[in-house]
PDB file of N, CA and C in Angstrom:
ATOM      1  N   MET A   1      -8.745  -4.371 -17.923  1.00  0.00           N
ATOM      2  CA  MET A   1      -8.124  -3.081 -17.813  1.00  0.00           C
ATOM      3  C   MET A   1      -6.632  -3.298 -17.498  1.00  0.00           C
ATOM      4  N   PRO A   2      -5.748  -2.717 -18.286  1.00  0.00           N
ATOM      5  CA  PRO A   2      -4.322  -2.884 -18.015  1.00  0.00           C
ATOM      6  C   PRO A   2      -3.896  -2.131 -16.755  1.00  0.00           C
ATOM      7  N   GLY A   3      -3.015  -2.733 -16.003  1.00  0.00           N
ATOM      8  CA  GLY A   3      -2.518  -2.085 -14.802  1.00  0.00           C
ATOM      9  C   GLY A   3      -3.261  -2.457 -13.535  1.00  0.00           C
ATOM     10  N   SER A   4      -4.371  -3.143 -13.647  1.00  0.00           N
ATOM     11  CA  SER A   4      -5.088  -3.528 -12.434  1.00  0.00           C
ATOM     12  C   SER A   4      -4.519  -4.848 -11.906  1.00  0.00           C
ATOM     13  N   ILE A   5      -4.428  -4.942 -10.593  1.00  0.00           N
ATOM     14  CA  ILE A   5      -3.890  -6.138  -9.957  1.00  0.00           C
ATOM     15  C   ILE A   5      -5.036  -6.857  -9.266  1.00  0.00           C
ATOM     16  N   GLY A   6      -5.267  -8.074  -9.672  1.00  0.00           N
ATOM     17  CA  GLY A   6      -6.323  -8.877  -9.087  1.00  0.00           C
ATOM     18  C   GLY A   6      -5.804  -9.694  -7.921  1.00  0.00           C
ATOM     19  N   PRO A   7      -6.677 -10.436  -7.273  1.00  0.00           N
ATOM     20  CA  PRO A   7      -6.275 -11.244  -6.122  1.00  0.00           C
ATOM     21  C   PRO A   7      -5.263 -12.335  -6.481  1.00  0.00           C
ATOM     22  N   LEU A   8      -5.409 -12.933  -7.648  1.00  0.00           N
ATOM     23  CA  LEU A   8      -4.479 -13.988  -8.055  1.00  0.00           C
ATOM     24  C   LEU A   8      -3.067 -13.428  -8.250  1.00  0.00           C
ATOM     25  N   GLU A   9      -2.968 -12.282  -8.904  1.00  0.00           N
ATOM     26  CA  GLU A   9      -1.656 -11.668  -9.110  1.00  0.00           C
ATOM     27  C   GLU A   9      -1.014 -11.282  -7.791  1.00  0.00           C
ATOM     28  N   LEU A  10      -1.820 -10.791  -6.853  1.00  0.00           N
ATOM     29  CA  LEU A  10      -1.313 -10.414  -5.542  1.00  0.00           C
ATOM     30  C   LEU A  10      -0.774 -11.629  -4.792  1.00  0.00           C
ATOM     31  N   VAL A  11      -1.477 -12.737  -4.861  1.00  0.00           N
ATOM     32  CA  VAL A  11      -1.028 -13.969  -4.204  1.00  0.00           C
ATOM     33  C   VAL A  11       0.280 -14.446  -4.836  1.00  0.00           C
ATOM     34  N   ILE A  12       0.393 -14.356  -6.143  1.00  0.00           N
ATOM     35  CA  ILE A  12       1.618 -14.782  -6.833  1.00  0.00           C
ATOM     36  C   ILE A  12       2.803 -13.919  -6.406  1.00  0.00           C
ATOM     37  N   VAL A  13       2.609 -12.608  -6.353  1.00  0.00           N
ATOM     38  CA  VAL A  13       3.689 -11.705  -5.946  1.00  0.00           C
ATOM     39  C   VAL A  13       4.109 -11.982  -4.506  1.00  0.00           C
ATOM     40  N   LEU A  14       3.151 -12.182  -3.620  1.00  0.00           N
ATOM     41  CA  LEU A  14       3.483 -12.466  -2.218  1.00  0.00           C
ATOM     42  C   LEU A  14       4.185 -13.814  -2.067  1.00  0.00           C
ATOM     43  N   ALA A  15       3.779 -14.807  -2.857  1.00  0.00           N
ATOM     44  CA  ALA A  15       4.439 -16.114  -2.807  1.00  0.00           C
ATOM     45  C   ALA A  15       5.885 -16.005  -3.281  1.00  0.00           C
ATOM     46  N   ILE A  16       6.112 -15.253  -4.344  1.00  0.00           N
ATOM     47  CA  ILE A  16       7.482 -15.070  -4.837  1.00  0.00           C
ATOM     48  C   ILE A  16       8.324 -14.337  -3.803  1.00  0.00           C
ATOM     49  N   ALA A  17       7.759 -13.305  -3.165  1.00  0.00           N
ATOM     50  CA  ALA A  17       8.483 -12.569  -2.127  1.00  0.00           C
ATOM     51  C   ALA A  17       8.819 -13.487  -0.952  1.00  0.00           C
ATOM     52  N   LEU A  18       7.917 -14.359  -0.593  1.00  0.00           N
ATOM     53  CA  LEU A  18       8.157 -15.294   0.509  1.00  0.00           C
ATOM     54  C   LEU A  18       9.263 -16.276   0.153  1.00  0.00           C
ATOM     55  N   ILE A  19       9.273 -16.744  -1.088  1.00  0.00           N
ATOM     56  CA  ILE A  19      10.306 -17.680  -1.527  1.00  0.00           C
ATOM     57  C   ILE A  19      11.673 -16.994  -1.574  1.00  0.00           C
ATOM     58  N   VAL A  20      11.715 -15.783  -2.109  1.00  0.00           N
ATOM     59  CA  VAL A  20      12.989 -15.084  -2.269  1.00  0.00           C
ATOM     60  C   VAL A  20      13.542 -14.613  -0.925  1.00  0.00           C
ATOM     61  N   LEU A  21      12.710 -14.007  -0.095  1.00  0.00           N
ATOM     62  CA  LEU A  21      13.184 -13.410   1.147  1.00  0.00           C
ATOM     63  C   LEU A  21      13.177 -14.369   2.332  1.00  0.00           C
ATOM     64  N   GLY A  22      12.272 -15.306   2.326  1.00  0.00           N
ATOM     65  CA  GLY A  22      12.171 -16.235   3.446  1.00  0.00           C
ATOM     66  C   GLY A  22      11.227 -15.711   4.510  1.00  0.00           C
ATOM     67  N   PRO A  23      10.740 -16.610   5.355  1.00  0.00           N
ATOM     68  CA  PRO A  23       9.742 -16.221   6.356  1.00  0.00           C
ATOM     69  C   PRO A  23      10.291 -15.338   7.471  1.00  0.00           C
ATOM     70  N   LYS A  24      11.582 -15.389   7.746  1.00  0.00           N
ATOM     71  CA  LYS A  24      12.139 -14.565   8.816  1.00  0.00           C
ATOM     72  C   LYS A  24      12.408 -13.138   8.349  1.00  0.00           C
ATOM     73  N   LYS A  25      12.789 -12.974   7.099  1.00  0.00           N
ATOM     74  CA  LYS A  25      13.185 -11.661   6.590  1.00  0.00           C
ATOM     75  C   LYS A  25      11.988 -10.858   6.052  1.00  0.00           C
ATOM     76  N   LEU A  26      10.925 -11.521   5.644  1.00  0.00           N
ATOM     77  CA  LEU A  26       9.785 -10.849   5.008  1.00  0.00           C
ATOM     78  C   LEU A  26       9.126  -9.792   5.911  1.00  0.00           C
ATOM     79  N   PRO A  27       8.842 -10.063   7.188  1.00  0.00           N
ATOM     80  CA  PRO A  27       8.249  -9.007   8.032  1.00  0.00           C
ATOM     81  C   PRO A  27       9.175  -7.806   8.213  1.00  0.00           C
ATOM     82  N   GLU A  28      10.475  -8.074   8.294  1.00  0.00           N
ATOM     83  CA  GLU A  28      11.451  -7.001   8.432  1.00  0.00           C
ATOM     84  C   GLU A  28      11.442  -6.086   7.213  1.00  0.00           C
ATOM     85  N   VAL A  29      11.416  -6.690   6.034  1.00  0.00           N
ATOM     86  CA  VAL A  29      11.410  -5.929   4.788  1.00  0.00           C
ATOM     87  C   VAL A  29      10.109  -5.136   4.661  1.00  0.00           C
ATOM     88  N   GLY A  30       8.997  -5.753   5.000  1.00  0.00           N
ATOM     89  CA  GLY A  30       7.707  -5.064   4.953  1.00  0.00           C
ATOM     90  C   GLY A  30       7.660  -3.869   5.881  1.00  0.00           C
ATOM     91  N   ARG A  31       8.223  -4.038   7.065  1.00  0.00           N
ATOM     92  CA  ARG A  31       8.254  -2.954   8.047  1.00  0.00           C
ATOM     93  C   ARG A  31       9.116  -1.801   7.548  1.00  0.00           C
ATOM     94  N   SER A  32      10.276  -2.119   6.967  1.00  0.00           N
ATOM     95  CA  SER A  32      11.158  -1.051   6.493  1.00  0.00           C
ATOM     96  C   SER A  32      10.562  -0.332   5.288  1.00  0.00           C
ATOM     97  N   ILE A  33       9.864  -1.062   4.428  1.00  0.00           N
ATOM     98  CA  ILE A  33       9.190  -0.420   3.288  1.00  0.00           C
ATOM     99  C   ILE A  33       8.080   0.498   3.797  1.00  0.00           C
ATOM    100  N   GLY A  34       7.323   0.047   4.778  1.00  0.00           N
ATOM    101  CA  GLY A  34       6.262   0.870   5.357  1.00  0.00           C
ATOM    102  C   GLY A  34       6.804   2.133   6.007  1.00  0.00           C
ATOM    103  N   ASN A  35       7.907   2.006   6.748  1.00  0.00           N
ATOM    104  CA  ASN A  35       8.517   3.185   7.368  1.00  0.00           C
ATOM    105  C   ASN A  35       9.025   4.155   6.312  1.00  0.00           C
ATOM    106  N   GLY A  36       9.618   3.630   5.258  1.00  0.00           N
ATOM    107  CA  GLY A  36      10.104   4.493   4.179  1.00  0.00           C
ATOM    108  C   GLY A  36       8.980   5.229   3.484  1.00  0.00           C
ATOM    109  N   MET A  37       7.884   4.531   3.242  1.00  0.00           N
ATOM    110  CA  MET A  37       6.734   5.174   2.602  1.00  0.00           C
ATOM    111  C   MET A  37       6.147   6.248   3.509  1.00  0.00           C
ATOM    112  N   ARG A  38       6.095   5.985   4.812  1.00  0.00           N
ATOM    113  CA  ARG A  38       5.564   6.962   5.760  1.00  0.00           C
ATOM    114  C   ARG A  38       6.453   8.204   5.809  1.00  0.00           C
ATOM    115  N   GLU A  39       7.773   8.010   5.843  1.00  0.00           N
ATOM    116  CA  GLU A  39       8.689   9.150   5.860  1.00  0.00           C
ATOM    117  C   GLU A  39       8.572   9.969   4.578  1.00  0.00           C
ATOM    118  N   PHE A  40       8.425   9.287   3.447  1.00  0.00           N
ATOM    119  CA  PHE A  40       8.279   9.981   2.172  1.00  0.00           C
ATOM    120  C   PHE A  40       7.006  10.809   2.146  1.00  0.00           C
ATOM    121  N   LYS A  41       5.911  10.212   2.618  1.00  0.00           N
ATOM    122  CA  LYS A  41       4.631  10.927   2.663  1.00  0.00           C
ATOM    123  C   LYS A  41       4.703  12.129   3.597  1.00  0.00           C
ATOM    124  N   ASP A  42       5.331  11.944   4.753  1.00  0.00           N
ATOM    125  CA  ASP A  42       5.470  13.049   5.701  1.00  0.00           C
ATOM    126  C   ASP A  42       6.338  14.164   5.132  1.00  0.00           C
ATOM    127  N   SER A  43       7.364  13.812   4.404  1.00  0.00           N
ATOM    128  CA  SER A  43       8.224  14.846   3.835  1.00  0.00           C
ATOM    129  C   SER A  43       7.502  15.623   2.741  1.00  0.00           C
ATOM    130  N   LEU A  44       6.627  14.963   2.007  1.00  0.00           N
ATOM    131  CA  LEU A  44       5.861  15.667   0.974  1.00  0.00           C
ATOM    132  C   LEU A  44       4.809  16.582   1.575  1.00  0.00           C
ATOM    133  N   SER A  45       4.180  16.136   2.644  1.00  0.00           N
ATOM    134  CA  SER A  45       3.123  16.940   3.256  1.00  0.00           C
ATOM    135  C   SER A  45       3.667  17.971   4.232  1.00  0.00           C
ATOM    136  N   GLY A  46       4.935  17.875   4.601  1.00  0.00           N
ATOM    137  CA  GLY A  46       5.540  18.845   5.502  1.00  0.00           C
ATOM    138  C   GLY A  46       5.222  18.594   6.954  1.00  0.00           C
ATOM    139  N   VAL A  47       4.808  17.388   7.303  1.00  0.00           N
ATOM    140  CA  VAL A  47       4.500  17.068   8.695  1.00  0.00           C
ATOM    141  C   VAL A  47       5.801  17.059   9.493  1.00  0.00           C
ATOM    142  N   GLY A  48       5.782  17.705  10.635  1.00  0.00           N
ATOM    143  CA  GLY A  48       6.951  17.715  11.501  1.00  0.00           C
ATOM    144  C   GLY A  48       7.951  18.799  11.155  1.00  0.00           C
ATOM    145  N   VAL A  49       7.687  19.564  10.146  1.00  0.00           N
ATOM    146  CA  VAL A  49       8.603  20.643   9.771  1.00  0.00           C
ATOM    147  C   VAL A  49       8.023  21.949  10.282  1.00  0.00           C
ATOM    148  N   ASP A  50       8.788  22.637  11.077  1.00  0.00           N
ATOM    149  CA  ASP A  50       8.341  23.916  11.607  1.00  0.00           C
ATOM    150  C   ASP A  50       9.038  25.016  10.830  1.00  0.00           C
ATOM    151  N   ARG A  51       8.307  25.709  10.014  1.00  0.00           N
ATOM    152  CA  ARG A  51       8.864  26.751   9.155  1.00  0.00           C
ATOM    153  C   ARG A  51       9.427  27.906   9.978  1.00  0.00           C
ATOM    154  N   ASN A  52       8.885  28.172  11.171  1.00  0.00           N
ATOM    155  CA  ASN A  52       9.367  29.276  11.998  1.00  0.00           C
ATOM    156  C   ASN A  52      10.796  29.028  12.468  1.00  0.00           C
ATOM    157  N   ASP A  53      11.150  27.776  12.750  1.00  0.00           N
ATOM    158  CA  ASP A  53      12.515  27.461  13.160  1.00  0.00           C
ATOM    159  C   ASP A  53      13.499  27.805  12.056  1.00  0.00           C
ATOM    160  N   GLU A  54      13.149  27.519  10.821  1.00  0.00           N
ATOM    161  CA  GLU A  54      14.025  27.829   9.700  1.00  0.00           C
ATOM    162  C   GLU A  54      14.177  29.342   9.559  1.00  0.00           C
ATOM    163  N   ASP A  55      13.093  30.091   9.730  1.00  0.00           N
ATOM    164  CA  ASP A  55      13.158  31.541   9.639  1.00  0.00           C
ATOM    165  C   ASP A  55      14.020  32.122  10.753  1.00  0.00           C
ATOM    166  N   ASP A  56      13.927  31.572  11.967  1.00  0.00           N
ATOM    167  CA  ASP A  56      14.734  32.044  13.080  1.00  0.00           C
ATOM    168  C   ASP A  56      16.213  31.825  12.806  1.00  0.00           C
ATOM    169  N   ASP A  57      16.556  30.679  12.204  1.00  0.00           N
ATOM    170  CA  ASP A  57      17.940  30.399  11.879  1.00  0.00           C
ATOM    171  C   ASP A  57      18.473  31.402  10.866  1.00  0.00           C
ATOM    172  N   VAL A  58      17.674  31.742   9.876  1.00  0.00           N
ATOM    173  CA  VAL A  58      18.096  32.702   8.862  1.00  0.00           C
ATOM    174  C   VAL A  58      18.315  34.069   9.483  1.00  0.00           C
ATOM    175  N   HIS A  59      17.397  34.487  10.357  1.00  0.00           N
ATOM    176  CA  HIS A  59      17.517  35.793  11.002  1.00  0.00           C
ATOM    177  C   HIS A  59      18.733  35.866  11.938  1.00  0.00           C
ATOM    178  N   SER A  60      19.026  34.770  12.621  1.00  0.00           N
ATOM    179  CA  SER A  60      20.180  34.781  13.520  1.00  0.00           C
ATOM    180  C   SER A  60      21.480  34.812  12.737  1.00  0.00           C
ATOM    181  N   ILE A  61      21.507  34.213  11.577  1.00  0.00           N
ATOM    182  CA  ILE A  61      22.704  34.260  10.722  1.00  0.00           C
ATOM    183  C   ILE A  61      22.888  35.666  10.154  1.00  0.00           C
ATOM    184  N   GLU A  62      21.768  36.293   9.746  1.00  0.00           N
ATOM    185  CA  GLU A  62      21.840  37.641   9.193  1.00  0.00           C
ATOM    186  C   GLU A  62      22.264  38.650  10.251  1.00  0.00           C
ATOM    187  N   ALA A  63      21.910  38.413  11.507  1.00  0.00           N
ATOM    188  CA  ALA A  63      22.231  39.348  12.572  1.00  0.00           C
ATOM    189  C   ALA A  63      23.732  39.356  12.866  1.00  0.00           C
ATOM    190  N   LYS A  64      24.393  38.258  12.622  1.00  0.00           N
ATOM    191  CA  LYS A  64      25.836  38.167  12.894  1.00  0.00           C
ATOM    192  C   LYS A  64      26.541  38.939  11.837  1.00  0.00           C
TER     193      LYS A  64
END
């Protein structure tokens, strides 16, 4: 099946990443990618966004 990644391909990709980035930089890069993915997911799902705060801001601007 095209597009499927097997264990061998995964090991090859991780080995190349280790060679290119080095053992000290690899955990840092992984952590930043994970944080970016989490922020992206949260922004899509609307976690942490309070819609009432935005409505209050609009009403306070209109009142002025």
